[in-house]
């Protein structure tokens, strides 16, 4: 009888899902929690969420750069609209291709008349805030842009002069 009971219990347990809509999310209902359950081949595993939602609107790219600079005791950049236009184009290009780093020629995205001596970029989850090289440069003018990639990361680009 003991073996039969054990067999019955094992059979019953094999049909019980370890995760699902009726099971509470171990990370809670917090939308900023980057982990979720994923059903892969009949088993459930923790996976990094591929999309992130936030009830708080993200600051403009230049505001985000200048917030980072203020946290480090640096003066804000003065926004150059042409540099921002180029940075946005570069960020969108990189986000579409999920390019973590620089393109073959970042400066190709600058519109006519724009000048920059350096470019910075990064691909981070949004909750980490702004991140790119050149964010702490001693330049006066800058342009920033970002685009969300299909992988849930923010592809950031910065030009400075």
C-alpha atoms as a PDB file:
ATOM      1  CA  UNK A   1       0.000   0.000   0.000  1.00  0.00           C
ATOM      2  CA  UNK A   2       2.876   2.396   0.742  1.00  0.00           C
ATOM      3  CA  UNK A   3       4.367   1.972  -2.732  1.00  0.00           C
ATOM      4  CA  UNK A   4       0.993   2.477  -4.347  1.00  0.00           C
ATOM      5  CA  UNK A   5       0.416   5.671  -2.319  1.00  0.00           C
ATOM      6  CA  UNK A   6       3.861   6.985  -3.237  1.00  0.00           C
ATOM      7  CA  UNK A   7       3.253   6.243  -6.909  1.00  0.00           C
ATOM      8  CA  UNK A   8      -0.104   8.033  -6.774  1.00  0.00           C
ATOM      9  CA  UNK A   9       1.475  11.094  -5.102  1.00  0.00           C
ATOM     10  CA  UNK A  10       4.280  11.240  -7.677  1.00  0.00           C
ATOM     11  CA  UNK A  11       1.785  10.980 -10.542  1.00  0.00           C
ATOM     12  CA  UNK A  12      -0.321  13.762  -9.038  1.00  0.00           C
ATOM     13  CA  UNK A  13       2.693  16.007  -8.491  1.00  0.00           C
ATOM     14  CA  UNK A  14       3.949  15.535 -12.041  1.00  0.00           C
ATOM     15  CA  UNK A  15       0.778  17.150 -13.359  1.00  0.00           C
ATOM     16  CA  UNK A  16       1.044  20.175 -11.035  1.00  0.00           C
ATOM     17  CA  UNK A  17       2.713  23.203 -12.602  1.00  0.00           C
ATOM     18  CA  UNK A  18       5.410  24.866 -10.541  1.00  0.00           C
ATOM     19  CA  UNK A  19       4.437  28.291 -11.872  1.00  0.00           C
ATOM     20  CA  UNK A  20       1.545  29.827 -13.644  1.00  0.00           C
ATOM     21  CA  UNK A  21      -1.082  32.517 -13.480  1.00  0.00           C
ATOM     22  CA  UNK A  22      -2.433  31.179 -10.190  1.00  0.00           C
ATOM     23  CA  UNK A  23       0.976  31.053  -8.544  1.00  0.00           C
ATOM     24  CA  UNK A  24       2.196  34.312  -6.978  1.00  0.00           C
ATOM     25  CA  UNK A  25       5.199  35.896  -8.634  1.00  0.00           C
ATOM     26  CA  UNK A  26       8.144  35.473  -6.256  1.00  0.00           C
ATOM     27  CA  UNK A  27       9.186  38.995  -7.187  1.00  0.00           C
ATOM     28  CA  UNK A  28       5.762  40.304  -6.223  1.00  0.00           C
ATOM     29  CA  UNK A  29       3.572  42.439  -8.403  1.00  0.00           C
ATOM     30  CA  UNK A  30       6.267  45.085  -8.750  1.00  0.00           C
ATOM     31  CA  UNK A  31       6.484  45.993 -12.465  1.00  0.00           C
ATOM     32  CA  UNK A  32      10.100  47.106 -12.019  1.00  0.00           C
ATOM     33  CA  UNK A  33      11.140  43.568 -11.000  1.00  0.00           C
ATOM     34  CA  UNK A  34      13.296  42.429 -13.951  1.00  0.00           C
ATOM     35  CA  UNK A  35      12.687  38.688 -13.402  1.00  0.00           C
ATOM     36  CA  UNK A  36       9.741  36.603 -14.530  1.00  0.00           C
ATOM     37  CA  UNK A  37       8.758  32.943 -14.874  1.00  0.00           C
ATOM     38  CA  UNK A  38       9.193  31.516 -18.355  1.00  0.00           C
ATOM     39  CA  UNK A  39       7.890  28.196 -19.650  1.00  0.00           C
ATOM     40  CA  UNK A  40      10.625  26.611 -21.697  1.00  0.00           C
ATOM     41  CA  UNK A  41      10.143  23.064 -22.836  1.00  0.00           C
ATOM     42  CA  UNK A  42       7.821  22.098 -20.016  1.00  0.00           C
ATOM     43  CA  UNK A  43       9.920  23.550 -17.212  1.00  0.00           C
ATOM     44  CA  UNK A  44       9.756  26.929 -15.600  1.00  0.00           C
ATOM     45  CA  UNK A  45      12.908  28.979 -15.140  1.00  0.00           C
ATOM     46  CA  UNK A  46      13.779  32.448 -14.002  1.00  0.00           C
ATOM     47  CA  UNK A  47      14.486  34.674 -16.984  1.00  0.00           C
ATOM     48  CA  UNK A  48      15.429  38.314 -17.355  1.00  0.00           C
ATOM     49  CA  UNK A  49      12.346  40.211 -18.488  1.00  0.00           C
ATOM     50  CA  UNK A  50      12.710  41.380 -22.109  1.00  0.00           C
ATOM     51  CA  UNK A  51      10.502  44.407 -21.620  1.00  0.00           C
ATOM     52  CA  UNK A  52      10.403  46.831 -18.776  1.00  0.00           C
ATOM     53  CA  UNK A  53       7.510  49.050 -17.869  1.00  0.00           C
ATOM     54  CA  UNK A  54       7.581  52.061 -15.650  1.00  0.00           C
ATOM     55  CA  UNK A  55       4.862  54.364 -14.402  1.00  0.00           C
ATOM     56  CA  UNK A  56       7.387  57.204 -14.158  1.00  0.00           C
ATOM     57  CA  UNK A  57       8.233  58.992 -17.392  1.00  0.00           C
ATOM     58  CA  UNK A  58      11.913  58.930 -18.248  1.00  0.00           C
ATOM     59  CA  UNK A  59      13.679  62.308 -18.279  1.00  0.00           C
ATOM     60  CA  UNK A  60      14.792  63.686 -21.632  1.00  0.00           C
ATOM     61  CA  UNK A  61      18.192  62.358 -22.682  1.00  0.00           C
ATOM     62  CA  UNK A  62      19.953  65.667 -21.910  1.00  0.00           C
ATOM     63  CA  UNK A  63      18.210  65.939 -18.548  1.00  0.00           C
ATOM     64  CA  UNK A  64      19.382  62.415 -17.730  1.00  0.00           C
ATOM     65  CA  UNK A  65      22.973  63.252 -18.722  1.00  0.00           C
ATOM     66  CA  UNK A  66      22.932  66.456 -16.680  1.00  0.00           C
ATOM     67  CA  UNK A  67      21.438  64.641 -13.674  1.00  0.00           C
ATOM     68  CA  UNK A  68      24.374  62.222 -13.811  1.00  0.00           C
ATOM     69  CA  UNK A  69      26.787  65.145 -14.078  1.00  0.00           C
ATOM     70  CA  UNK A  70      25.170  66.936 -11.113  1.00  0.00           C
ATOM     71  CA  UNK A  71      25.545  63.784  -8.985  1.00  0.00           C
ATOM     72  CA  UNK A  72      29.273  63.951  -9.691  1.00  0.00           C
ATOM     73  CA  UNK A  73      29.599  67.682  -9.015  1.00  0.00           C
ATOM     74  CA  UNK A  74      30.048  68.597 -12.685  1.00  0.00           C
ATOM     75  CA  UNK A  75      28.390  71.530 -14.448  1.00  0.00           C
ATOM     76  CA  UNK A  76      25.578  70.720 -16.878  1.00  0.00           C
ATOM     77  CA  UNK A  77      26.204  70.450 -20.584  1.00  0.00           C
ATOM     78  CA  UNK A  78      24.597  73.057 -22.818  1.00  0.00           C
ATOM     79  CA  UNK A  79      22.445  71.161 -25.306  1.00  0.00           C
ATOM     80  CA  UNK A  80      23.389  71.501 -28.974  1.00  0.00           C
ATOM     81  CA  UNK A  81      20.275  70.572 -31.000  1.00  0.00           C
ATOM     82  CA  UNK A  82      22.349  69.304 -33.942  1.00  0.00           C
ATOM     83  CA  UNK A  83      24.365  67.025 -31.672  1.00  0.00           C
ATOM     84  CA  UNK A  84      21.139  65.744 -30.098  1.00  0.00           C
ATOM     85  CA  UNK A  85      19.714  65.063 -33.550  1.00  0.00           C
ATOM     86  CA  UNK A  86      22.803  63.001 -34.433  1.00  0.00           C
ATOM     87  CA  UNK A  87      22.820  61.224 -31.071  1.00  0.00           C
ATOM     88  CA  UNK A  88      19.161  60.247 -31.484  1.00  0.00           C
ATOM     89  CA  UNK A  89      19.819  58.880 -34.980  1.00  0.00           C
ATOM     90  CA  UNK A  90      22.808  56.863 -33.727  1.00  0.00           C
ATOM     91  CA  UNK A  91      20.828  55.542 -30.746  1.00  0.00           C
ATOM     92  CA  UNK A  92      17.959  54.417 -32.973  1.00  0.00           C
ATOM     93  CA  UNK A  93      20.366  52.707 -35.376  1.00  0.00           C
ATOM     94  CA  UNK A  94      22.056  50.850 -32.528  1.00  0.00           C
ATOM     95  CA  UNK A  95      18.752  49.911 -30.834  1.00  0.00           C
ATOM     96  CA  UNK A  96      17.375  48.424 -34.056  1.00  0.00           C
ATOM     97  CA  UNK A  97      20.486  46.240 -34.311  1.00  0.00           C
ATOM     98  CA  UNK A  98      20.950  45.664 -30.547  1.00  0.00           C
ATOM     99  CA  UNK A  99      24.473  47.100 -30.858  1.00  0.00           C
ATOM    100  CA  UNK A 100      25.956  47.506 -27.393  1.00  0.00           C
ATOM    101  CA  UNK A 101      28.922  49.554 -28.558  1.00  0.00           C
ATOM    102  CA  UNK A 102      29.919  52.061 -31.179  1.00  0.00           C
ATOM    103  CA  UNK A 103      29.037  51.831 -34.850  1.00  0.00           C
ATOM    104  CA  UNK A 104      31.757  51.734 -37.479  1.00  0.00           C
ATOM    105  CA  UNK A 105      31.567  55.535 -37.648  1.00  0.00           C
ATOM    106  CA  UNK A 106      29.368  57.240 -35.067  1.00  0.00           C
ATOM    107  CA  UNK A 107      29.991  60.643 -36.627  1.00  0.00           C
ATOM    108  CA  UNK A 108      28.125  59.638 -39.817  1.00  0.00           C
ATOM    109  CA  UNK A 109      24.906  60.300 -37.868  1.00  0.00           C
ATOM    110  CA  UNK A 110      25.699  63.964 -37.297  1.00  0.00           C
ATOM    111  CA  UNK A 111      23.698  66.324 -39.534  1.00  0.00           C
ATOM    112  CA  UNK A 112      25.506  68.862 -41.730  1.00  0.00           C
ATOM    113  CA  UNK A 113      26.981  71.674 -39.651  1.00  0.00           C
ATOM    114  CA  UNK A 114      27.299  69.616 -36.458  1.00  0.00           C
ATOM    115  CA  UNK A 115      30.732  69.188 -34.914  1.00  0.00           C
ATOM    116  CA  UNK A 116      31.797  66.796 -32.192  1.00  0.00           C
ATOM    117  CA  UNK A 117      35.183  65.682 -30.922  1.00  0.00           C
ATOM    118  CA  UNK A 118      33.960  62.560 -29.095  1.00  0.00           C
ATOM    119  CA  UNK A 119      31.063  60.121 -28.868  1.00  0.00           C
ATOM    120  CA  UNK A 120      29.897  57.908 -26.036  1.00  0.00           C
ATOM    121  CA  UNK A 121      27.393  55.087 -25.934  1.00  0.00           C
ATOM    122  CA  UNK A 122      25.908  52.399 -23.718  1.00  0.00           C
ATOM    123  CA  UNK A 123      23.093  49.832 -23.653  1.00  0.00           C
ATOM    124  CA  UNK A 124      21.668  49.480 -20.141  1.00  0.00           C
ATOM    125  CA  UNK A 125      18.407  48.510 -18.473  1.00  0.00           C
ATOM    126  CA  UNK A 126      16.405  51.720 -17.884  1.00  0.00           C
ATOM    127  CA  UNK A 127      16.480  51.474 -14.079  1.00  0.00           C
ATOM    128  CA  UNK A 128      20.245  52.113 -14.132  1.00  0.00           C
ATOM    129  CA  UNK A 129      19.745  55.645 -15.466  1.00  0.00           C
ATOM    130  CA  UNK A 130      21.992  57.357 -17.974  1.00  0.00           C
ATOM    131  CA  UNK A 131      25.241  55.716 -18.868  1.00  0.00           C
ATOM    132  CA  UNK A 132      27.713  56.459 -21.618  1.00  0.00           C
ATOM    133  CA  UNK A 133      31.286  57.432 -22.089  1.00  0.00           C
ATOM    134  CA  UNK A 134      31.844  61.194 -22.388  1.00  0.00           C
ATOM    135  CA  UNK A 135      29.184  61.878 -19.748  1.00  0.00           C
ATOM    136  CA  UNK A 136      31.862  63.288 -17.462  1.00  0.00           C
ATOM    137  CA  UNK A 137      33.941  65.086 -20.108  1.00  0.00           C
ATOM    138  CA  UNK A 138      34.970  68.707 -19.592  1.00  0.00           C
ATOM    139  CA  UNK A 139      33.184  69.699 -22.807  1.00  0.00           C
ATOM    140  CA  UNK A 140      30.680  72.556 -22.806  1.00  0.00           C
ATOM    141  CA  UNK A 141      28.192  71.423 -25.439  1.00  0.00           C
ATOM    142  CA  UNK A 142      26.557  68.046 -25.915  1.00  0.00           C
ATOM    143  CA  UNK A 143      23.715  66.233 -27.587  1.00  0.00           C
ATOM    144  CA  UNK A 144      22.115  63.071 -26.281  1.00  0.00           C
ATOM    145  CA  UNK A 145      19.612  60.531 -27.531  1.00  0.00           C
ATOM    146  CA  UNK A 146      18.295  57.133 -26.587  1.00  0.00           C
ATOM    147  CA  UNK A 147      16.066  54.447 -28.074  1.00  0.00           C
ATOM    148  CA  UNK A 148      14.573  51.349 -26.484  1.00  0.00           C
ATOM    149  CA  UNK A 149      15.750  48.064 -27.941  1.00  0.00           C
ATOM    150  CA  UNK A 150      13.608  44.956 -28.356  1.00  0.00           C
ATOM    151  CA  UNK A 151      15.706  43.457 -25.539  1.00  0.00           C
ATOM    152  CA  UNK A 152      14.389  46.035 -23.050  1.00  0.00           C
ATOM    153  CA  UNK A 153      17.642  47.966 -22.837  1.00  0.00           C
ATOM    154  CA  UNK A 154      17.990  51.686 -23.389  1.00  0.00           C
ATOM    155  CA  UNK A 155      20.504  52.370 -26.157  1.00  0.00           C
ATOM    156  CA  UNK A 156      22.088  55.698 -25.273  1.00  0.00           C
ATOM    157  CA  UNK A 157      24.315  57.882 -27.405  1.00  0.00           C
ATOM    158  CA  UNK A 158      26.129  61.130 -26.590  1.00  0.00           C
ATOM    159  CA  UNK A 159      28.129  63.579 -28.690  1.00  0.00           C
ATOM    160  CA  UNK A 160      30.238  66.312 -27.056  1.00  0.00           C
ATOM    161  CA  UNK A 161      32.288  69.338 -28.108  1.00  0.00           C
END
